[in-house]
Amino acid sequence: IMIYRIGDRSIATAVRDGIFQGSLS
């Protein structure tokens, strides 16, 4: 198991880059 936290200020970046709510490699 690996758990990561996205900082509040970085959520917009994660959404913009298509990372948020997607599957991870």
PDB file of all heavy atoms in Angstrom:
ATOM      1  N   ILE A   1       0.834  -1.191   0.000  1.00  0.00           N
ATOM      2  CA  ILE A   1       0.000   0.000   0.000  1.00  0.00           C
ATOM      3  C   ILE A   1       0.875   1.249   0.000  1.00  0.00           C
ATOM      4  O   ILE A   1       1.863   1.323   0.722  1.00  0.00           O
ATOM      5  CB  ILE A   1      -0.921   0.032   1.236  1.00  0.00           C
ATOM      6  CG1 ILE A   1      -1.817  -1.205   1.268  1.00  0.00           C
ATOM      7  CG2 ILE A   1      -1.741   1.311   1.267  1.00  0.00           C
ATOM      8  CD1 ILE A   1      -2.852  -1.249   0.190  1.00  0.00           C
ATOM      9  N   MET A   2       0.490   2.232  -0.817  1.00  0.00           N
ATOM     10  CA  MET A   2       1.127   3.543  -0.830  1.00  0.00           C
ATOM     11  C   MET A   2       0.034   4.604  -0.748  1.00  0.00           C
ATOM     12  O   MET A   2      -0.930   4.549  -1.516  1.00  0.00           O
ATOM     13  CB  MET A   2       1.947   3.739  -2.104  1.00  0.00           C
ATOM     14  CG  MET A   2       3.144   2.803  -2.236  1.00  0.00           C
ATOM     15  SD  MET A   2       3.367   2.187  -3.925  1.00  0.00           S
ATOM     16  CE  MET A   2       2.174   0.846  -3.972  1.00  0.00           C
ATOM     17  N   ILE A   3       0.159   5.544   0.195  1.00  0.00           N
ATOM     18  CA  ILE A   3      -0.840   6.596   0.362  1.00  0.00           C
ATOM     19  C   ILE A   3      -0.167   7.950   0.157  1.00  0.00           C
ATOM     20  O   ILE A   3       0.881   8.225   0.743  1.00  0.00           O
ATOM     21  CB  ILE A   3      -1.495   6.543   1.757  1.00  0.00           C
ATOM     22  CG1 ILE A   3      -2.138   5.168   2.003  1.00  0.00           C
ATOM     23  CG2 ILE A   3      -2.556   7.643   1.891  1.00  0.00           C
ATOM     24  CD1 ILE A   3      -2.748   5.015   3.375  1.00  0.00           C
ATOM     25  N   TYR A   4      -0.786   8.797  -0.678  1.00  0.00           N
ATOM     26  CA  TYR A   4      -0.254  10.113  -0.988  1.00  0.00           C
ATOM     27  C   TYR A   4      -1.307  11.170  -0.647  1.00  0.00           C
ATOM     28  O   TYR A   4      -2.514  10.921  -0.768  1.00  0.00           O
ATOM     29  CB  TYR A   4       0.112  10.224  -2.474  1.00  0.00           C
ATOM     30  CG  TYR A   4       1.127   9.204  -2.924  1.00  0.00           C
ATOM     31  CD1 TYR A   4       0.724   7.942  -3.355  1.00  0.00           C
ATOM     32  CD2 TYR A   4       2.480   9.495  -2.910  1.00  0.00           C
ATOM     33  CE1 TYR A   4       1.648   6.993  -3.763  1.00  0.00           C
ATOM     34  CE2 TYR A   4       3.418   8.554  -3.322  1.00  0.00           C
ATOM     35  CZ  TYR A   4       2.994   7.304  -3.742  1.00  0.00           C
ATOM     36  OH  TYR A   4       3.916   6.367  -4.131  1.00  0.00           O
ATOM     37  N   ARG A   5      -0.841  12.334  -0.234  1.00  0.00           N
ATOM     38  CA  ARG A   5      -1.732  13.460   0.031  1.00  0.00           C
ATOM     39  C   ARG A   5      -1.442  14.570  -0.965  1.00  0.00           C
ATOM     40  O   ARG A   5      -0.273  14.882  -1.244  1.00  0.00           O
ATOM     41  CB  ARG A   5      -1.557  13.997   1.450  1.00  0.00           C
ATOM     42  CG  ARG A   5      -2.491  15.164   1.779  1.00  0.00           C
ATOM     43  CD  ARG A   5      -2.308  15.652   3.213  1.00  0.00           C
ATOM     44  NE  ARG A   5      -3.297  16.693   3.539  1.00  0.00           N
ATOM     45  CZ  ARG A   5      -3.110  17.979   3.330  1.00  0.00           C
ATOM     46  NH1 ARG A   5      -1.959  18.411   2.807  1.00  0.00           N
ATOM     47  NH2 ARG A   5      -4.049  18.850   3.632  1.00  0.00           N
ATOM     48  N   ILE A   6      -2.515  15.145  -1.510  1.00  0.00           N
ATOM     49  CA  ILE A   6      -2.395  16.278  -2.425  1.00  0.00           C
ATOM     50  C   ILE A   6      -2.660  17.550  -1.628  1.00  0.00           C
ATOM     51  O   ILE A   6      -3.735  17.696  -1.031  1.00  0.00           O
ATOM     52  CB  ILE A   6      -3.396  16.192  -3.588  1.00  0.00           C
ATOM     53  CG1 ILE A   6      -3.339  14.818  -4.255  1.00  0.00           C
ATOM     54  CG2 ILE A   6      -3.134  17.299  -4.597  1.00  0.00           C
ATOM     55  CD1 ILE A   6      -2.029  14.500  -4.896  1.00  0.00           C
ATOM     56  N   GLY A   7      -1.715  18.467  -1.596  1.00  0.00           N
ATOM     57  CA  GLY A   7      -1.900  19.719  -0.876  1.00  0.00           C
ATOM     58  C   GLY A   7      -3.009  20.556  -1.483  1.00  0.00           C
ATOM     59  O   GLY A   7      -3.278  20.494  -2.686  1.00  0.00           O
ATOM     60  N   ASP A   8      -3.652  21.368  -0.644  1.00  0.00           N
ATOM     61  CA  ASP A   8      -4.770  22.186  -1.119  1.00  0.00           C
ATOM     62  C   ASP A   8      -4.387  23.040  -2.324  1.00  0.00           C
ATOM     63  O   ASP A   8      -5.159  23.201  -3.270  1.00  0.00           O
ATOM     64  CB  ASP A   8      -5.273  23.089   0.008  1.00  0.00           C
ATOM     65  CG  ASP A   8      -5.929  22.289   1.125  1.00  0.00           C
ATOM     66  OD1 ASP A   8      -6.203  21.100   0.897  1.00  0.00           O
ATOM     67  OD2 ASP A   8      -6.154  22.855   2.205  1.00  0.00           O
ATOM     68  N   ARG A   9      -3.183  23.613  -2.274  1.00  0.00           N
ATOM     69  CA  ARG A   9      -2.761  24.501  -3.357  1.00  0.00           C
ATOM     70  C   ARG A   9      -2.402  23.743  -4.626  1.00  0.00           C
ATOM     71  O   ARG A   9      -2.239  24.352  -5.678  1.00  0.00           O
ATOM     72  CB  ARG A   9      -1.568  25.339  -2.897  1.00  0.00           C
ATOM     73  CG  ARG A   9      -1.892  26.281  -1.738  1.00  0.00           C
ATOM     74  CD  ARG A   9      -0.682  27.099  -1.336  1.00  0.00           C
ATOM     75  NE  ARG A   9      -0.978  28.012  -0.236  1.00  0.00           N
ATOM     76  CZ  ARG A   9      -0.097  28.834   0.311  1.00  0.00           C
ATOM     77  NH1 ARG A   9       1.151  28.841  -0.139  1.00  0.00           N
ATOM     78  NH2 ARG A   9      -0.445  29.633   1.309  1.00  0.00           N
ATOM     79  N   SER A  10      -2.248  22.434  -4.498  1.00  0.00           N
ATOM     80  CA  SER A  10      -1.819  21.641  -5.663  1.00  0.00           C
ATOM     81  C   SER A  10      -2.963  20.890  -6.321  1.00  0.00           C
ATOM     82  O   SER A  10      -2.757  20.256  -7.364  1.00  0.00           O
ATOM     83  CB  SER A  10      -0.739  20.635  -5.236  1.00  0.00           C
ATOM     84  OG  SER A  10       0.392  21.303  -4.719  1.00  0.00           O
ATOM     85  N   ILE A  11      -4.165  20.937  -5.722  1.00  0.00           N
ATOM     86  CA  ILE A  11      -5.279  20.195  -6.305  1.00  0.00           C
ATOM     87  C   ILE A  11      -5.593  20.700  -7.704  1.00  0.00           C
ATOM     88  O   ILE A  11      -5.840  19.917  -8.626  1.00  0.00           O
ATOM     89  CB  ILE A  11      -6.518  20.276  -5.392  1.00  0.00           C
ATOM     90  CG1 ILE A  11      -6.272  19.482  -4.111  1.00  0.00           C
ATOM     91  CG2 ILE A  11      -7.754  19.732  -6.104  1.00  0.00           C
ATOM     92  CD1 ILE A  11      -7.408  19.543  -3.123  1.00  0.00           C
ATOM     93  N   ALA A  12      -5.578  22.031  -7.877  1.00  0.00           N
ATOM     94  CA  ALA A  12      -5.867  22.591  -9.208  1.00  0.00           C
ATOM     95  C   ALA A  12      -4.869  22.083 -10.244  1.00  0.00           C
ATOM     96  O   ALA A  12      -5.230  21.767 -11.377  1.00  0.00           O
ATOM     97  CB  ALA A  12      -5.849  24.115  -9.143  1.00  0.00           C
ATOM     98  N   THR A  13      -3.589  21.982  -9.841  1.00  0.00           N
ATOM     99  CA  THR A  13      -2.562  21.470 -10.761  1.00  0.00           C
ATOM    100  C   THR A  13      -2.822  20.012 -11.095  1.00  0.00           C
ATOM    101  O   THR A  13      -2.700  19.595 -12.256  1.00  0.00           O
ATOM    102  CB  THR A  13      -1.168  21.623 -10.125  1.00  0.00           C
ATOM    103  OG1 THR A  13      -0.925  23.003  -9.837  1.00  0.00           O
ATOM    104  CG2 THR A  13      -0.098  21.108 -11.064  1.00  0.00           C
ATOM    105  N   ALA A  14      -3.198  19.227 -10.086  1.00  0.00           N
ATOM    106  CA  ALA A  14      -3.480  17.806 -10.316  1.00  0.00           C
ATOM    107  C   ALA A  14      -4.668  17.625 -11.248  1.00  0.00           C
ATOM    108  O   ALA A  14      -4.676  16.737 -12.111  1.00  0.00           O
ATOM    109  CB  ALA A  14      -3.730  17.107  -8.979  1.00  0.00           C
ATOM    110  N   VAL A  15      -5.688  18.478 -11.098  1.00  0.00           N
ATOM    111  CA  VAL A  15      -6.855  18.417 -11.989  1.00  0.00           C
ATOM    112  C   VAL A  15      -6.461  18.817 -13.399  1.00  0.00           C
ATOM    113  O   VAL A  15      -6.810  18.160 -14.381  1.00  0.00           O
ATOM    114  CB  VAL A  15      -7.982  19.319 -11.451  1.00  0.00           C
ATOM    115  CG1 VAL A  15      -9.115  19.413 -12.470  1.00  0.00           C
ATOM    116  CG2 VAL A  15      -8.502  18.789 -10.127  1.00  0.00           C
ATOM    117  N   ARG A  16      -5.719  19.904 -13.519  1.00  0.00           N
ATOM    118  CA  ARG A  16      -5.310  20.423 -14.835  1.00  0.00           C
ATOM    119  C   ARG A  16      -4.475  19.402 -15.594  1.00  0.00           C
ATOM    120  O   ARG A  16      -4.614  19.235 -16.812  1.00  0.00           O
ATOM    121  CB  ARG A  16      -4.519  21.711 -14.654  1.00  0.00           C
ATOM    122  CG  ARG A  16      -4.053  22.363 -15.970  1.00  0.00           C
ATOM    123  CD  ARG A  16      -3.003  23.407 -15.694  1.00  0.00           C
ATOM    124  NE  ARG A  16      -1.793  22.801 -15.133  1.00  0.00           N
ATOM    125  CZ  ARG A  16      -0.905  23.454 -14.377  1.00  0.00           C
ATOM    126  NH1 ARG A  16      -1.117  24.722 -14.073  1.00  0.00           N
ATOM    127  NH2 ARG A  16       0.164  22.843 -13.928  1.00  0.00           N
ATOM    128  N   ASP A  17      -3.599  18.688 -14.884  1.00  0.00           N
ATOM    129  CA  ASP A  17      -2.704  17.728 -15.536  1.00  0.00           C
ATOM    130  C   ASP A  17      -3.336  16.358 -15.722  1.00  0.00           C
ATOM    131  O   ASP A  17      -2.667  15.418 -16.179  1.00  0.00           O
ATOM    132  CB  ASP A  17      -1.407  17.590 -14.726  1.00  0.00           C
ATOM    133  CG  ASP A  17      -0.588  18.881 -14.724  1.00  0.00           C
ATOM    134  OD1 ASP A  17      -0.920  19.787 -15.520  1.00  0.00           O
ATOM    135  OD2 ASP A  17       0.374  18.974 -13.939  1.00  0.00           O
ATOM    136  N   GLY A  18      -4.604  16.217 -15.343  1.00  0.00           N
ATOM    137  CA  GLY A  18      -5.293  14.951 -15.552  1.00  0.00           C
ATOM    138  C   GLY A  18      -4.928  13.861 -14.570  1.00  0.00           C
ATOM    139  O   GLY A  18      -5.215  12.683 -14.811  1.00  0.00           O
ATOM    140  N   ILE A  19      -4.289  14.223 -13.452  1.00  0.00           N
ATOM    141  CA  ILE A  19      -3.892  13.229 -12.456  1.00  0.00           C
ATOM    142  C   ILE A  19      -5.036  12.929 -11.503  1.00  0.00           C
ATOM    143  O   ILE A  19      -5.282  11.778 -11.137  1.00  0.00           O
ATOM    144  CB  ILE A  19      -2.659  13.726 -11.663  1.00  0.00           C
ATOM    145  CG1 ILE A  19      -1.472  13.917 -12.600  1.00  0.00           C
ATOM    146  CG2 ILE A  19      -2.306  12.762 -10.544  1.00  0.00           C
ATOM    147  CD1 ILE A  19      -0.277  14.575 -11.929  1.00  0.00           C
ATOM    148  N   PHE A  20      -5.766  13.967 -11.116  1.00  0.00           N
ATOM    149  CA  PHE A  20      -6.791  13.836 -10.080  1.00  0.00           C
ATOM    150  C   PHE A  20      -7.887  12.869 -10.513  1.00  0.00           C
ATOM    151  O   PHE A  20      -8.426  12.954 -11.603  1.00  0.00           O
ATOM    152  CB  PHE A  20      -7.389  15.211  -9.775  1.00  0.00           C
ATOM    153  CG  PHE A  20      -8.311  15.225  -8.597  1.00  0.00           C
ATOM    154  CD1 PHE A  20      -7.844  14.942  -7.321  1.00  0.00           C
ATOM    155  CD2 PHE A  20      -9.653  15.514  -8.762  1.00  0.00           C
ATOM    156  CE1 PHE A  20      -8.698  14.951  -6.231  1.00  0.00           C
ATOM    157  CE2 PHE A  20     -10.513  15.532  -7.673  1.00  0.00           C
ATOM    158  CZ  PHE A  20     -10.035  15.242  -6.400  1.00  0.00           C
ATOM    159  N   GLN A  21      -8.194  11.920  -9.650  1.00  0.00           N
ATOM    160  CA  GLN A  21      -9.225  10.901  -9.833  1.00  0.00           C
ATOM    161  C   GLN A  21      -8.910   9.911 -10.945  1.00  0.00           C
ATOM    162  O   GLN A  21      -9.796   9.152 -11.369  1.00  0.00           O
ATOM    163  CB  GLN A  21     -10.607  11.531 -10.061  1.00  0.00           C
ATOM    164  CG  GLN A  21     -11.158  12.214  -8.804  1.00  0.00           C
ATOM    165  CD  GLN A  21     -12.620  12.573  -8.928  1.00  0.00           C
ATOM    166  OE1 GLN A  21     -13.091  12.932 -10.011  1.00  0.00           O
ATOM    167  NE2 GLN A  21     -13.339  12.477  -7.828  1.00  0.00           N
ATOM    168  N   GLY A  22      -7.679   9.878 -11.418  1.00  0.00           N
ATOM    169  CA  GLY A  22      -7.301   8.883 -12.406  1.00  0.00           C
ATOM    170  C   GLY A  22      -6.533   7.735 -11.765  1.00  0.00           C
ATOM    171  O   GLY A  22      -6.148   7.791 -10.598  1.00  0.00           O
ATOM    172  N   SER A  23      -6.333   6.671 -12.512  1.00  0.00           N
ATOM    173  CA  SER A  23      -5.517   5.556 -12.028  1.00  0.00           C
ATOM    174  C   SER A  23      -4.046   5.940 -12.074  1.00  0.00           C
ATOM    175  O   SER A  23      -3.619   6.733 -12.916  1.00  0.00           O
ATOM    176  CB  SER A  23      -5.759   4.312 -12.888  1.00  0.00           C
ATOM    177  OG  SER A  23      -7.098   3.870 -12.754  1.00  0.00           O
ATOM    178  N   LEU A  24      -3.260   5.368 -11.165  1.00  0.00           N
ATOM    179  CA  LEU A  24      -1.851   5.712 -11.060  1.00  0.00           C
ATOM    180  C   LEU A  24      -0.961   4.566 -11.505  1.00  0.00           C
ATOM    181  O   LEU A  24      -1.204   3.414 -11.170  1.00  0.00           O
ATOM    182  CB  LEU A  24      -1.486   6.066  -9.606  1.00  0.00           C
ATOM    183  CG  LEU A  24      -2.209   7.233  -8.934  1.00  0.00           C
ATOM    184  CD1 LEU A  24      -1.597   7.486  -7.563  1.00  0.00           C
ATOM    185  CD2 LEU A  24      -2.140   8.487  -9.783  1.00  0.00           C
ATOM    186  N   SER A  25       0.064   4.914 -12.260  1.00  0.00           N
ATOM    187  CA  SER A  25       1.171   3.998 -12.520  1.00  0.00           C
ATOM    188  C   SER A  25       2.274   4.323 -11.519  1.00  0.00           C
ATOM    189  O   SER A  25       2.159   5.263 -10.729  1.00  0.00           O
ATOM    190  CB  SER A  25       1.680   4.175 -13.947  1.00  0.00           C
ATOM    191  OG  SER A  25       2.229   5.491 -14.107  1.00  0.00           O
TER     192      SER A  25
END
